[in-house]
Amino acid sequence: MIYGDLSTEVSEKAMLYGKLVLKSELVTSNKIKLSWNLIDGATRYVIYRKEGIKSYKKVLTLGTNVNTYTSSILKPNTYSYIVKPARYDSISRVYGDQSNAVSEVTTFTKPVITLTKKSSSSIKVSWKKVDAASYYEVYRKVGSGAYKKLKSVSTTSYESKSLSKGKTYTYKVRAYTTVDGKKVYSTYSTAKSMKL
């Protein structure tokens, strides 16, 4: 029996078909949850994120049958996401069409302050750490006067000294950080007062 030459070997990557629809929601003021439909044949889902006007960057890759992702704590900004389905094997990586883009705006939670009388002439203002904040501005007014900024601090307390007896002091605090070279602020805490 006589055989002819072997044919040329032909291989083809099996494509991923189907439209991946991406949805987003704010689960807290600074966390974003993504969800999407699963694509037949996909073994990975690759998440990309864009902060503000920057370019998209890969955040992480999730495995088969995973169709949700919740971000870590984010600074106040506008965040956009896309997801690409993919199939990884020992020979190659095949990507399907990327999803639609979704965007959410994150903000700070506002500080909650507590006043403590430290002496006959000093009041300590304290608050819990605000996620993603770098600094805090402390403001005070005396009686019915106008608020004045006392100081910016990186700690979670400030002691106001050399105060006068018989006067009422009112305080408020706001958190801030720097995003793309600009300061971004939380809303002010609820004001609290103390009379010495």
Protein backbone atom coordinates (compact mmCIF):
# COMPACT_ATOMS: atom_id res chain seq x y z
CA MET A 1 0.00 0.00 0.00
CA ILE A 2 1.37 3.38 -0.97
CA TYR A 3 0.69 6.51 1.09
CA GLY A 4 1.04 10.08 -0.02
CA ASP A 5 2.72 12.86 1.95
CA LEU A 6 1.11 13.93 5.20
CA SER A 7 -1.06 17.01 4.98
CA THR A 8 -0.03 20.24 6.62
CA GLU A 9 -1.19 20.36 10.24
CA VAL A 10 -3.96 22.92 10.76
CA SER A 11 -4.98 24.29 14.14
CA GLU A 12 -7.40 27.00 15.08
CA LYS A 13 -8.08 28.75 18.34
CA ALA A 14 -11.66 28.23 19.47
CA MET A 15 -13.13 31.68 19.94
CA LEU A 16 -15.22 32.87 22.87
CA TYR A 17 -18.66 34.05 21.82
CA GLY A 18 -21.30 35.88 23.79
CA LYS A 19 -21.82 39.39 25.11
CA LEU A 20 -20.57 40.06 28.62
CA VAL A 21 -22.86 42.60 30.32
CA LEU A 22 -21.24 44.38 33.27
CA LYS A 23 -23.17 46.04 36.12
CA SER A 24 -21.93 48.07 39.09
CA GLU A 25 -23.19 49.42 42.40
CA LEU A 26 -21.82 51.31 45.40
CA VAL A 27 -22.02 48.99 48.39
CA THR A 28 -20.57 51.67 50.67
CA SER A 29 -19.39 55.22 49.98
CA ASN A 30 -15.95 53.88 49.03
CA LYS A 31 -16.47 50.31 47.79
CA ILE A 32 -17.77 49.21 44.38
CA LYS A 33 -19.34 45.85 43.53
CA LEU A 34 -19.25 44.49 39.96
CA SER A 35 -21.35 41.65 38.55
CA TRP A 36 -21.63 40.09 35.09
CA ASN A 37 -23.00 37.10 33.20
CA LEU A 38 -20.85 34.03 32.56
CA ILE A 39 -19.56 33.30 29.04
CA ASP A 40 -19.52 29.72 27.71
CA GLY A 41 -15.97 28.37 27.47
CA ALA A 42 -14.38 31.16 29.54
CA THR A 43 -12.00 30.03 32.27
CA ARG A 44 -10.94 33.51 33.39
CA TYR A 45 -12.42 37.00 33.78
CA VAL A 46 -9.93 39.85 33.61
CA ILE A 47 -10.92 43.11 35.35
CA TYR A 48 -9.56 46.49 34.24
CA ARG A 49 -10.06 49.78 36.11
CA LYS A 50 -9.58 53.45 35.24
CA GLU A 51 -9.22 56.16 37.90
CA GLY A 52 -10.50 59.56 36.86
CA ILE A 53 -9.01 60.48 33.49
CA LYS A 54 -6.16 57.96 33.66
CA SER A 55 -5.88 54.92 31.39
CA TYR A 56 -7.33 51.50 32.15
CA LYS A 57 -5.07 49.14 34.11
CA LYS A 58 -5.48 45.48 34.90
CA VAL A 59 -6.71 44.97 38.47
CA LEU A 60 -6.88 41.18 38.76
CA THR A 61 -7.90 37.96 37.05
CA LEU A 62 -10.71 35.78 38.42
CA GLY A 63 -11.37 32.10 37.72
CA THR A 64 -14.10 29.99 36.15
CA ASN A 65 -17.69 30.60 37.27
CA VAL A 66 -16.78 33.73 39.23
CA ASN A 67 -19.02 36.60 38.21
CA THR A 68 -18.77 39.16 41.04
CA TYR A 69 -16.03 41.36 42.44
CA THR A 70 -16.04 43.92 45.27
CA SER A 71 -13.25 46.47 45.37
CA SER A 72 -11.07 47.26 48.34
CA ILE A 73 -11.42 50.68 49.98
CA LEU A 74 -11.05 53.38 47.31
CA LYS A 75 -10.09 57.04 47.52
CA PRO A 76 -12.75 59.56 46.45
CA ASN A 77 -12.71 59.60 42.65
CA THR A 78 -14.57 58.40 39.57
CA TYR A 79 -13.78 54.75 38.82
CA SER A 80 -14.56 53.03 35.51
CA TYR A 81 -14.39 49.28 34.90
CA ILE A 82 -14.46 46.81 32.01
CA VAL A 83 -14.19 43.01 32.11
CA LYS A 84 -12.83 40.64 29.43
CA PRO A 85 -13.66 36.92 29.34
CA ALA A 86 -10.72 34.67 28.53
CA ARG A 87 -9.70 31.05 28.20
CA TYR A 88 -6.20 30.05 29.29
CA ASP A 89 -4.69 26.73 28.32
CA SER A 90 -1.18 25.29 28.03
CA ILE A 91 -0.74 26.64 24.50
CA SER A 92 -2.46 29.99 24.27
CA ARG A 93 -4.76 32.59 25.74
CA VAL A 94 -7.95 33.54 23.94
CA TYR A 95 -9.94 36.65 24.87
CA GLY A 96 -13.57 37.37 24.11
CA ASP A 97 -15.06 40.79 23.50
CA GLN A 98 -14.74 43.19 26.40
CA SER A 99 -17.81 44.21 28.35
CA ASN A 100 -19.50 47.56 28.39
CA ALA A 101 -17.84 50.15 30.66
CA VAL A 102 -19.42 51.09 33.99
CA SER A 103 -18.55 53.99 36.32
CA GLU A 104 -19.16 54.91 39.95
CA VAL A 105 -18.11 57.89 42.09
CA THR A 106 -16.71 57.13 45.54
CA THR A 107 -16.67 59.55 48.47
CA PHE A 108 -15.50 59.73 52.08
CA THR A 109 -17.61 58.87 55.05
CA LYS A 110 -17.82 61.97 57.24
CA PRO A 111 -15.97 62.03 60.57
CA VAL A 112 -17.86 61.58 63.84
CA ILE A 113 -16.33 63.69 66.61
CA THR A 114 -16.30 63.48 70.41
CA LEU A 115 -15.40 66.32 72.80
CA THR A 116 -13.65 65.69 76.11
CA LYS A 117 -12.80 68.29 78.76
CA LYS A 118 -9.08 67.84 79.51
CA SER A 119 -8.67 70.71 81.97
CA SER A 120 -10.31 73.98 82.96
CA SER A 121 -8.85 75.54 79.82
CA SER A 122 -8.59 72.75 77.22
CA ILE A 123 -10.88 70.50 75.16
CA LYS A 124 -9.83 67.41 73.26
CA VAL A 125 -11.53 66.74 69.91
CA SER A 126 -11.29 63.11 68.76
CA TRP A 127 -12.73 60.97 65.95
CA LYS A 128 -12.39 57.56 64.32
CA LYS A 129 -10.14 57.09 61.32
CA VAL A 130 -11.86 57.79 58.01
CA ASP A 131 -11.02 55.18 55.34
CA ALA A 132 -8.69 56.48 52.61
CA ALA A 133 -8.22 59.86 54.33
CA SER A 134 -4.70 61.25 54.74
CA TYR A 135 -5.40 64.34 56.85
CA TYR A 136 -8.10 66.09 58.88
CA GLU A 137 -8.94 69.77 59.23
CA VAL A 138 -10.20 70.96 62.62
CA TYR A 139 -12.48 74.02 62.82
CA ARG A 140 -13.76 75.94 65.86
CA LYS A 141 -16.09 78.78 66.63
CA VAL A 142 -16.53 80.66 69.90
CA GLY A 143 -20.10 81.41 70.92
CA SER A 144 -22.06 82.59 67.89
CA GLY A 145 -18.96 83.66 65.97
CA ALA A 146 -17.66 82.30 62.67
CA TYR A 147 -15.73 79.05 62.28
CA LYS A 148 -11.97 79.31 61.97
CA LYS A 149 -9.58 76.59 60.88
CA LEU A 150 -7.32 75.57 63.74
CA LYS A 151 -5.02 73.00 62.17
CA SER A 152 -4.57 70.14 59.71
CA VAL A 153 -3.48 66.91 61.40
CA SER A 154 -2.77 63.33 60.34
CA THR A 155 -3.82 61.92 63.72
CA THR A 156 -7.36 61.27 64.96
CA SER A 157 -7.42 63.83 67.75
CA TYR A 158 -6.58 67.45 68.51
CA GLU A 159 -6.33 69.26 71.86
CA SER A 160 -7.59 72.81 71.90
CA LYS A 161 -5.77 74.75 74.67
CA SER A 162 -5.73 78.18 76.35
CA LEU A 163 -9.52 78.45 76.34
CA SER A 164 -11.56 80.86 78.45
CA LYS A 165 -13.92 79.86 81.23
CA GLY A 166 -17.60 80.55 80.70
CA LYS A 167 -17.40 80.46 76.91
CA THR A 168 -18.96 77.89 74.57
CA TYR A 169 -16.72 76.29 71.95
CA THR A 170 -18.09 74.47 68.92
CA TYR A 171 -16.01 72.15 66.74
CA LYS A 172 -16.30 70.37 63.41
CA VAL A 173 -13.84 68.26 61.41
CA ARG A 174 -13.50 67.20 57.78
CA ALA A 175 -11.22 64.60 56.21
CA TYR A 176 -9.25 65.00 53.00
CA THR A 177 -6.71 63.42 50.71
CA THR A 178 -4.99 64.38 47.46
CA VAL A 179 -6.25 62.97 44.16
CA ASP A 180 -4.47 63.88 40.91
CA GLY A 181 -2.75 66.79 42.66
CA LYS A 182 -5.95 68.26 44.13
CA LYS A 183 -7.39 68.08 47.63
CA VAL A 184 -10.63 66.14 47.93
CA TYR A 185 -12.69 66.67 51.09
CA SER A 186 -15.34 64.80 53.03
CA THR A 187 -18.40 66.64 54.26
CA TYR A 188 -18.02 68.22 57.70
CA SER A 189 -18.76 66.20 60.79
CA THR A 190 -21.82 67.09 62.81
CA ALA A 191 -20.77 70.04 64.97
CA LYS A 192 -20.48 69.54 68.72
CA SER A 193 -20.25 72.14 71.49
CA MET A 194 -18.86 72.35 75.03
CA LYS A 195 -18.98 75.15 77.60
CA LEU A 196 -16.09 75.51 80.02
